[in-house]
Amino acid sequence: MHLKHVVALAPLVLGLAACADFPGSPIYLDQLNAAAPSGSDFTKALAGEYKAFAQEERDEYDWAAQQRYAHKGLDAAHGTADEPENVADWSIADANAASELTAARTRLMTAIKGDAPARAPALTATAQVKFECWLHEQHEGWQTDEIAECRKDFLTAMDQLEAKPAPAAMTTPAPAPMAAPAKVPTSYLVFFDFDKSFLTADAKKIIATAAQAIKAGGSIKINVTGYTDTVGTIQYNQKLSERRADSVEQELVKDGIAAGNIAVAGKGKTDLLVPTADGVREPKNRRAVIEFAGP
């Protein structure tokens, strides 16, 4: 083929590549970012969770995962909640992990088919997407820290979904013993966009959940600690981490927690959640931690 023919075809090839849904294309994620979610509170929350997960996979250059979860997020944004991935459809090398994931999905489906989506839509959406995050990372099988984190986040969400209030005391000569207190998480992670200290919609949902648990559990003293990734100077990141902690504190106060019961601090780019070299944009390190310090 003559060179002029190759040159003439180049714009057409580039044009097709720009429009095609090829593995590295962000088309679904771009559509999800532009979508105005509709449907129930659950599907709206599910769209937000899938959007965040798809963006994380895009940041890690996992194009196929980006497409899969952005597409499910689009379905949710249009009012349709896709079922959680089936463990049998994935290759899990660790038999014990596969068994645990199968039991976890059964537990999750029981909640989804019950009243959980209507009763706690944001928490149910978190549980579903954290389960799929756990399944996805276990399938890949090499990022043990992400496997552990997704598993922990799923179990935390499920514990909160399944927690039941203690029954009222019976007025009988021999009252039945009170049920054991429901298990309540004692720490929450709030994530931030790069070089930002404002709260995303998902971050506000997590803080609201934490505030409910604080009030329900009777915890009075709260520690809020901000952190950053490793991009930038020590001095800049120290200030940024303090602003992130302040943002979380202000939102907790809006949600009914007394400011005098909250201690805030920033640790800059120290105590990384995911160890990285200096100058690395790691989304999981851009965080604030809410911890219950007790009465």
Protein backbone atom coordinates (compact mmCIF):
# COMPACT_ATOMS: atom_id res chain seq x y z
CA MET A 1 0.00 0.00 0.00
CA HIS A 2 1.38 3.41 -0.90
CA LEU A 3 2.30 5.78 1.94
CA LYS A 4 -0.34 8.32 0.89
CA HIS A 5 -3.01 5.64 1.26
CA VAL A 6 -1.79 4.81 4.78
CA VAL A 7 -1.83 8.49 5.71
CA ALA A 8 -5.30 8.88 4.28
CA LEU A 9 -6.61 5.97 6.33
CA ALA A 10 -5.05 7.16 9.60
CA PRO A 11 -7.82 9.67 10.55
CA LEU A 12 -10.45 7.00 9.89
CA VAL A 13 -8.69 4.46 12.10
CA LEU A 14 -8.23 7.01 14.87
CA GLY A 15 -11.85 8.07 14.57
CA LEU A 16 -13.06 4.49 14.88
CA ALA A 17 -10.79 3.92 17.88
CA ALA A 18 -12.18 7.00 19.60
CA CYS A 19 -15.76 5.76 19.19
CA ALA A 20 -15.24 2.04 19.73
CA ASP A 21 -15.79 0.30 23.05
CA PHE A 22 -12.29 -1.24 23.10
CA PRO A 23 -10.81 -2.62 26.37
CA GLY A 24 -8.91 0.53 27.30
CA SER A 25 -11.76 2.88 26.44
CA PRO A 26 -13.29 4.91 29.29
CA ILE A 27 -16.59 5.22 27.40
CA TYR A 28 -18.76 3.58 30.08
CA LEU A 29 -17.04 5.46 32.89
CA ASP A 30 -17.39 8.76 31.03
CA GLN A 31 -21.10 8.03 30.51
CA LEU A 32 -21.49 7.11 34.18
CA ASN A 33 -19.75 10.31 35.28
CA ALA A 34 -22.17 12.31 33.13
CA ALA A 35 -25.30 10.38 34.16
CA ALA A 36 -27.98 11.77 36.49
CA PRO A 37 -28.89 8.69 38.57
CA SER A 38 -32.56 7.74 38.71
CA GLY A 39 -34.57 4.99 40.35
CA SER A 40 -34.56 4.06 44.03
CA ASP A 41 -32.21 5.34 46.72
CA PHE A 42 -30.48 1.96 46.51
CA THR A 43 -29.79 2.10 42.76
CA LYS A 44 -28.58 5.69 43.08
CA ALA A 45 -26.18 4.70 45.86
CA LEU A 46 -25.11 1.63 43.86
CA ALA A 47 -24.27 3.84 40.87
CA GLY A 48 -22.01 5.96 43.07
CA GLU A 49 -20.22 2.94 44.56
CA TYR A 50 -19.61 1.38 41.14
CA LYS A 51 -18.37 4.71 39.79
CA ALA A 52 -15.77 4.97 42.55
CA PHE A 53 -14.70 1.34 42.06
CA ALA A 54 -14.43 1.72 38.27
CA GLN A 55 -12.31 4.85 38.71
CA GLU A 56 -9.96 2.98 41.07
CA GLU A 57 -9.52 0.23 38.47
CA ARG A 58 -8.92 2.84 35.78
CA ASP A 59 -6.26 4.46 37.97
CA GLU A 60 -4.60 1.04 38.19
CA TYR A 61 -4.81 0.63 34.38
CA ASP A 62 -7.11 -2.39 34.71
CA TRP A 63 -9.16 -1.53 31.65
CA ALA A 64 -11.35 -4.65 31.59
CA ALA A 65 -12.38 -4.18 35.24
CA GLN A 66 -13.00 -0.48 34.62
CA GLN A 67 -15.42 -1.38 31.82
CA ARG A 68 -17.18 -4.13 33.79
CA TYR A 69 -17.95 -2.04 36.86
CA ALA A 70 -18.67 1.21 35.01
CA HIS A 71 -21.23 -0.71 32.92
CA LYS A 72 -22.89 -2.05 36.09
CA GLY A 73 -22.82 1.48 37.46
CA LEU A 74 -24.61 2.73 34.34
CA ASP A 75 -27.32 0.10 34.82
CA ALA A 76 -27.76 1.29 38.40
CA ALA A 77 -27.82 4.94 37.32
CA HIS A 78 -30.69 4.02 34.99
CA GLY A 79 -32.58 2.40 37.87
CA THR A 80 -31.58 -1.27 37.45
CA ALA A 81 -29.64 -3.05 40.20
CA ASP A 82 -27.59 -5.88 38.70
CA GLU A 83 -27.07 -8.85 41.00
CA PRO A 84 -23.65 -9.27 42.63
CA GLU A 85 -21.19 -11.34 40.60
CA ASN A 86 -21.52 -15.11 41.00
CA VAL A 87 -18.43 -16.70 42.55
CA ALA A 88 -18.77 -19.76 40.28
CA ASP A 89 -18.17 -17.53 37.24
CA TRP A 90 -14.72 -16.53 38.51
CA SER A 91 -11.48 -18.45 38.82
CA ILE A 92 -10.39 -18.50 42.48
CA ALA A 93 -7.18 -20.46 43.06
CA ASP A 94 -7.53 -20.56 46.86
CA ALA A 95 -10.26 -23.10 47.71
CA ASN A 96 -10.78 -21.67 51.21
CA ALA A 97 -11.19 -18.16 49.81
CA ALA A 98 -13.68 -19.45 47.22
CA SER A 99 -15.73 -21.12 49.95
CA GLU A 100 -15.71 -17.95 52.08
CA LEU A 101 -16.72 -15.81 49.10
CA THR A 102 -19.60 -18.17 48.28
CA ALA A 103 -20.89 -17.94 51.86
CA ALA A 104 -20.45 -14.16 51.77
CA ARG A 105 -22.53 -13.88 48.59
CA THR A 106 -25.32 -15.95 50.16
CA ARG A 107 -25.27 -13.62 53.15
CA LEU A 108 -25.35 -10.57 50.87
CA MET A 109 -28.19 -11.91 48.71
CA THR A 110 -30.28 -12.56 51.83
CA ALA A 111 -29.92 -8.89 52.75
CA ILE A 112 -30.60 -7.63 49.21
CA LYS A 113 -33.74 -9.77 48.85
CA GLY A 114 -34.92 -8.61 52.26
CA ASP A 115 -35.57 -5.05 53.42
CA ALA A 116 -31.96 -3.88 53.41
CA PRO A 117 -32.10 -1.88 50.11
CA ALA A 118 -35.08 0.12 51.39
CA ARG A 119 -33.95 0.30 55.03
CA ALA A 120 -30.27 1.14 54.47
CA PRO A 121 -29.72 1.80 50.74
CA ALA A 122 -26.24 3.34 50.97
CA LEU A 123 -24.92 0.62 53.27
CA THR A 124 -26.41 -2.14 51.11
CA ALA A 125 -24.78 -0.62 48.01
CA THR A 126 -21.45 -0.48 49.82
CA ALA A 127 -21.76 -4.13 50.83
CA GLN A 128 -22.49 -5.22 47.24
CA VAL A 129 -19.61 -3.34 45.62
CA LYS A 130 -17.12 -4.24 48.37
CA PHE A 131 -18.07 -7.90 47.85
CA GLU A 132 -17.34 -7.55 44.13
CA CYS A 133 -14.09 -5.75 44.93
CA TRP A 134 -13.09 -8.66 47.20
CA LEU A 135 -14.05 -11.21 44.52
CA HIS A 136 -12.21 -9.30 41.79
CA GLU A 137 -9.01 -8.92 43.83
CA GLN A 138 -9.13 -12.55 45.01
CA HIS A 139 -9.49 -13.64 41.37
CA GLU A 140 -6.37 -11.68 40.46
CA GLY A 141 -4.75 -13.13 43.56
CA TRP A 142 -1.66 -10.96 43.99
CA GLN A 143 -2.66 -7.75 45.79
CA THR A 144 -3.08 -9.25 49.25
CA ASP A 145 -3.54 -5.85 50.91
CA GLU A 146 -6.46 -4.98 48.60
CA ILE A 147 -8.01 -8.43 49.09
CA ALA A 148 -7.88 -7.88 52.85
CA GLU A 149 -9.22 -4.34 52.64
CA CYS A 150 -12.17 -5.19 50.39
CA ARG A 151 -13.02 -8.20 52.55
CA LYS A 152 -12.87 -6.08 55.73
CA ASP A 153 -15.05 -3.34 54.22
CA PHE A 154 -17.62 -5.92 53.09
CA LEU A 155 -17.78 -7.60 56.49
CA THR A 156 -18.04 -4.25 58.24
CA ALA A 157 -20.96 -3.21 56.00
CA MET A 158 -22.72 -6.55 56.50
CA ASP A 159 -22.28 -6.41 60.27
CA GLN A 160 -23.94 -2.99 60.26
CA LEU A 161 -26.73 -4.17 57.95
CA GLU A 162 -27.51 -7.19 60.08
CA ALA A 163 -27.22 -5.46 63.47
CA LYS A 164 -30.52 -5.64 65.36
CA PRO A 165 -31.59 -3.42 68.29
CA ALA A 166 -31.82 -5.20 71.61
CA PRO A 167 -35.40 -6.24 72.44
CA ALA A 168 -37.30 -4.29 75.10
CA ALA A 169 -37.18 -5.74 78.60
CA MET A 170 -40.09 -8.07 79.36
CA THR A 171 -42.36 -7.10 82.28
CA THR A 172 -42.58 -10.59 83.75
CA PRO A 173 -41.56 -11.98 87.13
CA ALA A 174 -38.50 -13.56 85.46
CA PRO A 175 -37.36 -11.25 82.67
CA ALA A 176 -35.53 -12.87 79.79
CA PRO A 177 -31.83 -11.97 79.60
CA MET A 178 -31.00 -9.05 77.33
CA ALA A 179 -29.50 -9.85 73.97
CA ALA A 180 -25.78 -9.18 73.54
CA PRO A 181 -25.03 -5.70 72.14
CA ALA A 182 -24.88 -5.57 68.37
CA LYS A 183 -21.38 -5.50 66.93
CA VAL A 184 -20.55 -1.94 65.88
CA PRO A 185 -17.39 -0.92 63.97
CA THR A 186 -15.07 1.38 65.92
CA SER A 187 -13.39 3.06 62.96
CA TYR A 188 -14.38 4.39 59.55
CA LEU A 189 -12.34 5.39 56.50
CA VAL A 190 -13.21 8.52 54.50
CA PHE A 191 -11.43 8.97 51.15
CA PHE A 192 -10.62 12.18 49.25
CA ASP A 193 -9.89 13.19 45.67
CA PHE A 194 -6.31 14.05 44.76
CA ASP A 195 -5.08 17.28 46.41
CA LYS A 196 -8.58 18.01 47.76
CA SER A 197 -10.03 18.33 51.23
CA PHE A 198 -13.72 18.70 50.34
CA LEU A 199 -16.04 15.76 50.98
CA THR A 200 -17.52 13.74 48.14
CA ALA A 201 -21.09 12.46 48.31
CA ASP A 202 -19.79 8.99 49.19
CA ALA A 203 -17.61 10.43 51.96
CA LYS A 204 -20.61 12.20 53.49
CA LYS A 205 -22.56 8.92 53.51
CA ILE A 206 -19.74 7.19 55.40
CA ILE A 207 -19.55 10.03 57.92
CA ALA A 208 -23.33 9.92 58.41
CA THR A 209 -23.09 6.17 59.07
CA ALA A 210 -20.27 6.76 61.55
CA ALA A 211 -22.29 9.47 63.33
CA GLN A 212 -25.25 7.10 63.69
CA ALA A 213 -22.99 4.43 65.17
CA ILE A 214 -21.38 6.94 67.53
CA LYS A 215 -24.76 8.02 68.87
CA ALA A 216 -26.16 4.49 69.01
CA GLY A 217 -23.08 3.05 70.73
CA GLY A 218 -22.72 5.77 73.35
CA SER A 219 -19.14 6.60 72.33
CA ILE A 220 -18.34 10.17 73.36
CA LYS A 221 -14.70 10.84 72.45
CA ILE A 222 -13.81 10.67 68.76
CA ASN A 223 -10.42 10.97 67.06
CA VAL A 224 -10.29 12.17 63.44
CA THR A 225 -6.90 11.88 61.72
CA GLY A 226 -6.14 13.10 58.21
CA TYR A 227 -3.57 11.64 55.81
CA THR A 228 -2.30 12.23 52.25
CA ASP A 229 -0.55 10.29 49.50
CA THR A 230 3.16 10.89 48.89
CA VAL A 231 2.91 13.55 46.18
CA GLY A 232 4.29 16.94 47.32
CA THR A 233 6.36 18.25 50.20
CA ILE A 234 6.12 17.20 53.82
CA GLN A 235 4.97 20.69 54.83
CA TYR A 236 2.25 20.92 52.16
CA ASN A 237 0.88 17.46 52.90
CA GLN A 238 0.81 18.13 56.63
CA LYS A 239 -1.49 21.11 56.06
CA LEU A 240 -3.61 19.15 53.56
CA SER A 241 -4.06 16.28 56.02
CA GLU A 242 -5.18 18.75 58.70
CA ARG A 243 -7.74 20.29 56.32
CA ARG A 244 -9.11 16.83 55.56
CA ALA A 245 -9.50 16.07 59.26
CA ASP A 246 -11.23 19.44 59.75
CA SER A 247 -13.68 18.67 56.91
CA VAL A 248 -14.65 15.39 58.54
CA GLU A 249 -15.02 17.04 61.94
CA GLN A 250 -17.35 19.71 60.51
CA GLU A 251 -19.51 17.06 58.84
CA LEU A 252 -19.72 15.04 62.08
CA VAL A 253 -20.89 18.18 63.88
CA LYS A 254 -23.55 18.69 61.19
CA ASP A 255 -24.63 15.09 61.82
CA GLY A 256 -25.15 15.75 65.54
CA ILE A 257 -21.79 14.99 67.19
CA ALA A 258 -20.63 17.64 69.67
CA ALA A 259 -17.47 19.44 68.50
CA GLY A 260 -16.02 19.25 72.01
CA ASN A 261 -16.01 15.46 71.78
CA ILE A 262 -13.91 15.37 68.60
CA ALA A 263 -10.10 15.56 68.52
CA VAL A 264 -8.57 16.26 65.09
CA ALA A 265 -5.03 15.76 63.84
CA GLY A 266 -3.10 15.48 60.58
CA LYS A 267 -0.25 13.09 59.83
CA GLY A 268 0.59 14.20 56.31
CA LYS A 269 2.20 11.52 54.20
CA THR A 270 3.17 9.27 57.11
CA ASP A 271 1.46 6.01 58.19
CA LEU A 272 0.48 5.10 54.63
CA LEU A 273 -2.43 2.68 54.25
CA VAL A 274 -0.81 1.39 51.05
CA PRO A 275 3.01 1.65 51.18
CA THR A 276 4.36 3.50 48.13
CA ALA A 277 7.46 5.36 47.04
CA ASP A 278 7.55 9.15 47.34
CA GLY A 279 5.60 11.02 44.66
CA VAL A 280 2.98 8.27 44.05
CA ARG A 281 -0.74 9.09 43.66
CA GLU A 282 -2.36 6.30 45.69
CA PRO A 283 -6.13 6.88 46.21
CA LYS A 284 -6.31 4.78 49.37
CA ASN A 285 -3.69 6.92 51.10
CA ARG A 286 -5.80 10.08 50.60
CA ARG A 287 -7.99 9.50 53.62
CA ALA A 288 -9.20 10.47 57.06
CA VAL A 289 -9.84 7.95 59.83
CA ILE A 290 -12.70 8.27 62.34
CA GLU A 291 -11.92 6.29 65.48
CA PHE A 292 -14.04 5.83 68.60
CA ALA A 293 -11.96 6.66 71.67
CA GLY A 294 -14.63 5.67 74.21
CA PRO A 295 -16.48 7.59 76.94
